[in-house]
């Protein structure tokens, strides 16, 4: 019955995010997770698909809702949700949230890019190379406090090592869960561990992101179809496929970045009025 299909516990433990803003649209993201560290990568979610409602408003109190809809968090996609919005006003701040059953997500703040001829000043934050074990994510907390209009993440969003394989000079302050990431379950778990950090959640919730990867989202120093070490080619390509699927599931990317086997189109160009054009390069797949 309906009661047995209710989720027991908060499914919004990974927060919310938005990304790839254009003058008329943006992507909204969340991923349902009851236990982010579950070893199977499914975060203790049921094997069934789960309906998720979303709302977009022009005010933080969500009184002036201008868009709403329902989408499906699918088990095969680790219950991740990507909502591609179009037809919005350029250069406009919006607020959004998700619901499933009686559960409501944290509130997110996003923004569309300005019209192409606009020269309105904007605040840009840039982040990269965030090794969870090496320190607390206080830089992400400060980023959120600064309330930028846009965040660029230039790669190494997470690190693939098992606990204490990569030690900071002063010692690590916390541990990665699970072994080195090589499987889809492992990559999903690692993404969830990072996303469960409250400071990273705050940075995602405060502004839209435009992310690209570097190497650690898959394997240290990988290039094209070549791994760092003596992994066999079939094993590495299976690992690459898993890493790419988990990356798409856990980032606010457009459908154009949906993985196709061992390939994922991440390079793209986004404009911010007349002030900036962001050429987001993929420096790993094409080496």
Protein backbone atom coordinates (compact mmCIF):
# COMPACT_ATOMS: atom_id res chain seq x y z
CA UNK A 1 0.00 0.00 0.00
CA UNK A 2 0.89 3.68 0.01
CA UNK A 3 2.24 3.48 3.55
CA UNK A 4 4.72 0.74 2.63
CA UNK A 5 5.96 2.83 -0.30
CA UNK A 6 6.86 5.82 1.84
CA UNK A 7 10.53 6.56 2.34
CA UNK A 8 11.61 6.11 5.95
CA UNK A 9 14.04 8.91 6.69
CA UNK A 10 15.17 12.06 4.92
CA UNK A 11 15.95 11.35 1.24
CA UNK A 12 17.51 14.80 0.64
CA UNK A 13 20.75 14.14 2.53
CA UNK A 14 22.83 15.19 -0.50
CA UNK A 15 21.23 18.60 -0.87
CA UNK A 16 20.41 20.33 -4.15
CA UNK A 17 22.34 21.92 -7.00
CA UNK A 18 21.90 23.78 -10.27
CA UNK A 19 24.15 24.24 -13.25
CA UNK A 20 24.97 25.23 -16.83
CA UNK A 21 22.89 28.44 -16.86
CA UNK A 22 21.90 30.08 -20.15
CA UNK A 23 19.88 33.28 -20.64
CA UNK A 24 16.64 31.30 -20.72
CA UNK A 25 17.32 28.22 -18.62
CA UNK A 26 19.26 26.18 -16.08
CA UNK A 27 19.51 22.59 -14.83
CA UNK A 28 18.16 21.70 -11.38
CA UNK A 29 19.61 18.64 -9.63
CA UNK A 30 19.13 16.43 -6.62
CA UNK A 31 19.78 12.80 -5.77
CA UNK A 32 17.70 10.88 -3.27
CA UNK A 33 19.83 9.15 -0.63
CA UNK A 34 18.78 7.72 2.73
CA UNK A 35 22.29 6.52 3.64
CA UNK A 36 25.01 8.22 1.55
CA UNK A 37 27.68 5.71 2.60
CA UNK A 38 25.80 2.54 1.65
CA UNK A 39 28.33 0.24 -0.02
CA UNK A 40 26.12 -0.74 -2.95
CA UNK A 41 26.07 2.87 -4.17
CA UNK A 42 22.28 3.11 -3.95
CA UNK A 43 22.29 4.99 -0.65
CA UNK A 44 19.80 2.59 1.01
CA UNK A 45 17.08 3.65 -1.43
CA UNK A 46 14.42 1.14 -2.53
CA UNK A 47 14.82 -0.58 -5.90
CA UNK A 48 11.69 1.14 -7.23
CA UNK A 49 11.59 4.48 -9.02
CA UNK A 50 10.41 7.44 -6.94
CA UNK A 51 8.34 10.43 -8.15
CA UNK A 52 9.85 13.81 -7.27
CA UNK A 53 8.08 17.15 -7.49
CA UNK A 54 9.98 20.38 -8.09
CA UNK A 55 9.15 24.06 -7.78
CA UNK A 56 10.83 27.22 -9.07
CA UNK A 57 10.00 30.63 -7.61
CA UNK A 58 11.20 34.21 -7.91
CA UNK A 59 11.40 34.63 -4.12
CA UNK A 60 13.15 32.76 -1.32
CA UNK A 61 9.87 32.18 0.53
CA UNK A 62 8.59 30.25 -2.50
CA UNK A 63 5.40 32.31 -2.62
CA UNK A 64 5.66 33.33 -6.27
CA UNK A 65 6.09 29.93 -7.92
CA UNK A 66 6.55 30.36 -11.68
CA UNK A 67 7.25 26.74 -12.65
CA UNK A 68 6.48 23.36 -11.13
CA UNK A 69 6.45 19.80 -12.29
CA UNK A 70 7.06 16.15 -11.48
CA UNK A 71 9.94 13.98 -12.58
CA UNK A 72 11.16 10.49 -11.72
CA UNK A 73 14.19 9.51 -9.66
CA UNK A 74 15.12 6.19 -11.25
CA UNK A 75 16.83 3.33 -9.47
CA UNK A 76 19.01 2.71 -12.54
CA UNK A 77 20.37 6.27 -12.20
CA UNK A 78 21.01 6.06 -8.44
CA UNK A 79 17.80 8.08 -7.93
CA UNK A 80 19.41 11.20 -9.41
CA UNK A 81 17.20 13.90 -10.91
CA UNK A 82 18.05 16.42 -13.64
CA UNK A 83 15.39 19.01 -14.51
CA UNK A 84 16.22 21.06 -17.61
CA UNK A 85 14.35 24.37 -17.50
CA UNK A 86 13.77 26.59 -20.53
CA UNK A 87 11.83 29.78 -21.17
CA UNK A 88 13.04 31.65 -18.09
CA UNK A 89 13.92 35.35 -17.89
CA UNK A 90 17.58 36.29 -18.50
CA UNK A 91 19.73 37.58 -15.65
CA UNK A 92 17.13 36.60 -13.05
CA UNK A 93 17.59 35.06 -9.62
CA UNK A 94 15.36 32.09 -8.86
CA UNK A 95 14.84 29.76 -5.91
CA UNK A 96 13.91 26.09 -6.08
CA UNK A 97 13.18 22.99 -4.04
CA UNK A 98 12.14 19.37 -4.44
CA UNK A 99 9.55 17.23 -2.67
CA UNK A 100 8.84 13.53 -2.44
CA UNK A 101 6.09 12.26 -0.21
CA UNK A 102 6.16 14.37 2.95
CA UNK A 103 9.85 15.21 2.54
CA UNK A 104 11.04 18.63 1.34
CA UNK A 105 14.57 19.39 0.16
CA UNK A 106 16.73 22.29 1.28
CA UNK A 107 16.15 25.49 -0.68
CA UNK A 108 18.43 26.24 -3.61
CA UNK A 109 19.27 29.60 -5.20
CA UNK A 110 20.12 29.84 -8.87
CA UNK A 111 20.38 32.37 -11.66
CA UNK A 112 20.01 32.50 -15.41
CA UNK A 113 22.81 33.99 -17.47
CA UNK A 114 22.23 37.58 -18.57
CA UNK A 115 21.10 38.47 -22.07
CA UNK A 116 23.93 38.29 -24.59
CA UNK A 117 24.25 42.08 -24.88
CA UNK A 118 24.19 42.67 -21.13
CA UNK A 119 27.27 44.03 -19.34
CA UNK A 120 25.96 43.87 -15.77
CA UNK A 121 28.85 43.07 -13.36
CA UNK A 122 28.83 39.66 -11.72
CA UNK A 123 30.65 37.75 -9.00
CA UNK A 124 32.45 34.57 -10.00
CA UNK A 125 33.84 31.89 -7.68
CA UNK A 126 36.34 29.26 -8.83
CA UNK A 127 37.11 25.96 -7.08
CA UNK A 128 39.12 22.81 -7.77
CA UNK A 129 41.17 20.03 -6.18
CA UNK A 130 39.13 19.27 -3.05
CA UNK A 131 40.61 16.24 -1.27
CA UNK A 132 38.06 15.33 1.43
CA UNK A 133 40.63 13.70 3.69
CA UNK A 134 43.08 16.61 3.67
CA UNK A 135 40.85 19.17 5.37
CA UNK A 136 37.40 20.45 6.19
CA UNK A 137 35.55 22.16 3.35
CA UNK A 138 35.61 25.58 5.00
CA UNK A 139 36.55 27.19 1.66
CA UNK A 140 33.22 25.97 0.27
CA UNK A 141 31.49 27.45 3.34
CA UNK A 142 33.15 30.81 2.69
CA UNK A 143 32.20 30.58 -0.98
CA UNK A 144 28.56 30.13 0.02
CA UNK A 145 28.74 33.07 2.43
CA UNK A 146 30.03 35.29 -0.39
CA UNK A 147 26.92 34.45 -2.47
CA UNK A 148 28.51 34.51 -5.93
CA UNK A 149 26.42 34.64 -9.09
CA UNK A 150 28.25 31.70 -10.65
CA UNK A 151 30.70 28.95 -9.63
CA UNK A 152 33.24 27.31 -11.92
CA UNK A 153 34.60 23.98 -10.72
CA UNK A 154 37.72 23.10 -12.68
CA UNK A 155 38.14 19.48 -11.69
CA UNK A 156 39.24 17.01 -9.02
CA UNK A 157 35.83 17.38 -7.41
CA UNK A 158 36.67 14.24 -5.48
CA UNK A 159 39.64 11.90 -5.09
CA UNK A 160 39.51 8.20 -5.81
CA UNK A 161 41.93 6.89 -3.17
CA UNK A 162 41.02 4.58 -0.32
CA UNK A 163 41.45 5.93 3.20
CA UNK A 164 44.96 7.13 4.08
CA UNK A 165 46.50 6.24 0.70
CA UNK A 166 47.12 9.96 0.09
CA UNK A 167 48.36 11.68 3.24
CA UNK A 168 48.52 15.43 3.77
CA UNK A 169 51.80 16.72 5.29
CA UNK A 170 50.09 17.37 8.62
CA UNK A 171 47.99 14.21 8.52
CA UNK A 172 44.45 13.62 7.28
CA UNK A 173 41.50 14.99 9.24
CA UNK A 174 38.95 12.40 8.01
CA UNK A 175 38.77 9.24 5.93
CA UNK A 176 37.29 8.21 2.63
CA UNK A 177 34.71 5.45 2.86
CA UNK A 178 35.29 2.25 0.92
CA UNK A 179 38.19 1.05 -1.23
CA UNK A 180 39.73 2.98 -4.12
CA UNK A 181 36.90 3.72 -6.55
CA UNK A 182 36.87 1.29 -9.48
CA UNK A 183 33.20 0.22 -9.72
CA UNK A 184 29.93 2.04 -10.32
CA UNK A 185 28.90 1.35 -6.72
CA UNK A 186 32.19 2.76 -5.48
CA UNK A 187 32.01 5.94 -7.55
CA UNK A 188 28.41 6.52 -6.50
CA UNK A 189 29.33 6.05 -2.85
CA UNK A 190 32.29 8.45 -3.11
CA UNK A 191 30.22 11.16 -4.80
CA UNK A 192 27.62 10.75 -2.07
CA UNK A 193 30.20 11.00 0.70
CA UNK A 194 31.43 14.32 -0.68
CA UNK A 195 27.92 15.64 -1.36
CA UNK A 196 26.90 14.80 2.21
CA UNK A 197 29.36 17.42 3.48
CA UNK A 198 27.29 20.43 4.65
CA UNK A 199 29.77 23.02 3.39
CA UNK A 200 29.84 21.55 -0.12
CA UNK A 201 26.05 21.38 -0.04
CA UNK A 202 25.93 25.08 0.85
CA UNK A 203 28.23 25.94 -2.06
CA UNK A 204 26.01 24.01 -4.47
CA UNK A 205 22.82 25.55 -3.10
CA UNK A 206 23.96 29.17 -3.34
CA UNK A 207 24.56 29.51 -7.10
CA UNK A 208 24.66 27.61 -10.39
CA UNK A 209 27.84 25.67 -11.16
CA UNK A 210 29.65 25.01 -14.42
CA UNK A 211 31.82 21.95 -13.69
CA UNK A 212 34.45 20.05 -15.62
CA UNK A 213 36.62 17.17 -14.47
CA UNK A 214 40.34 16.60 -14.26
CA UNK A 215 41.84 13.19 -13.49
CA UNK A 216 40.79 12.13 -9.97
CA UNK A 217 37.10 11.79 -10.85
CA UNK A 218 38.28 8.60 -12.57
CA UNK A 219 41.92 7.71 -11.85
CA UNK A 220 45.09 9.65 -11.10
CA UNK A 221 46.85 10.84 -14.29
CA UNK A 222 44.60 8.95 -16.72
CA UNK A 223 44.55 10.11 -20.33
CA UNK A 224 42.17 8.94 -23.07
CA UNK A 225 42.12 5.13 -22.73
CA UNK A 226 45.36 4.93 -20.76
CA UNK A 227 45.33 4.41 -16.97
CA UNK A 228 47.95 5.49 -14.48
CA UNK A 229 49.32 2.01 -13.84
CA UNK A 230 49.17 -1.57 -15.12
CA UNK A 231 45.39 -1.96 -15.24
CA UNK A 232 44.34 -4.00 -18.26
CA UNK A 233 42.62 -2.08 -21.02
CA UNK A 234 39.25 -3.87 -20.58
CA UNK A 235 39.35 -3.27 -16.82
CA UNK A 236 40.21 0.40 -17.24
CA UNK A 237 37.50 0.99 -19.84
CA UNK A 238 34.94 -0.62 -17.52
CA UNK A 239 36.18 1.67 -14.77
CA UNK A 240 35.95 4.68 -17.08
CA UNK A 241 32.37 3.80 -18.00
CA UNK A 242 31.44 3.54 -14.31
CA UNK A 243 33.14 6.81 -13.37
CA UNK A 244 31.47 8.71 -16.21
CA UNK A 245 28.01 7.40 -15.36
CA UNK A 246 28.43 8.35 -11.70
CA UNK A 247 29.80 11.78 -12.63
CA UNK A 248 26.75 12.58 -14.75
CA UNK A 249 24.38 11.25 -12.11
CA UNK A 250 25.93 13.48 -9.46
CA UNK A 251 26.44 16.75 -11.34
CA UNK A 252 23.93 19.37 -12.58
CA UNK A 253 24.74 18.73 -16.24
CA UNK A 254 22.59 19.08 -19.35
CA UNK A 255 21.31 16.05 -21.29
CA UNK A 256 24.02 16.67 -23.90
CA UNK A 257 26.45 15.25 -21.31
CA UNK A 258 24.56 11.98 -20.85
CA UNK A 259 27.22 9.22 -21.02
CA UNK A 260 27.32 6.94 -24.03
CA UNK A 261 29.32 3.91 -23.01
CA UNK A 262 32.88 5.02 -22.30
CA UNK A 263 32.27 8.51 -23.72
CA UNK A 264 30.79 11.65 -22.18
CA UNK A 265 30.74 15.05 -23.90
CA UNK A 266 31.79 17.49 -21.22
CA UNK A 267 33.39 20.23 -23.32
CA UNK A 268 31.03 23.12 -23.98
CA UNK A 269 30.84 26.90 -24.25
CA UNK A 270 28.65 29.16 -22.12
CA UNK A 271 28.33 32.94 -22.33
CA UNK A 272 27.71 35.41 -19.53
CA UNK A 273 26.43 38.48 -21.34
CA UNK A 274 29.15 40.57 -22.98
CA UNK A 275 31.51 40.14 -20.05
CA UNK A 276 32.60 36.51 -20.30
CA UNK A 277 32.61 33.43 -22.46
CA UNK A 278 33.52 30.20 -20.67
CA UNK A 279 35.23 27.59 -22.84
CA UNK A 280 34.96 24.50 -20.65
CA UNK A 281 37.64 22.10 -21.86
CA UNK A 282 37.94 18.36 -21.35
CA UNK A 283 41.67 17.87 -20.85
CA UNK A 284 41.51 14.10 -20.27
CA UNK A 285 39.40 12.21 -22.84
CA UNK A 286 41.22 13.58 -25.88
CA UNK A 287 44.89 13.39 -24.88
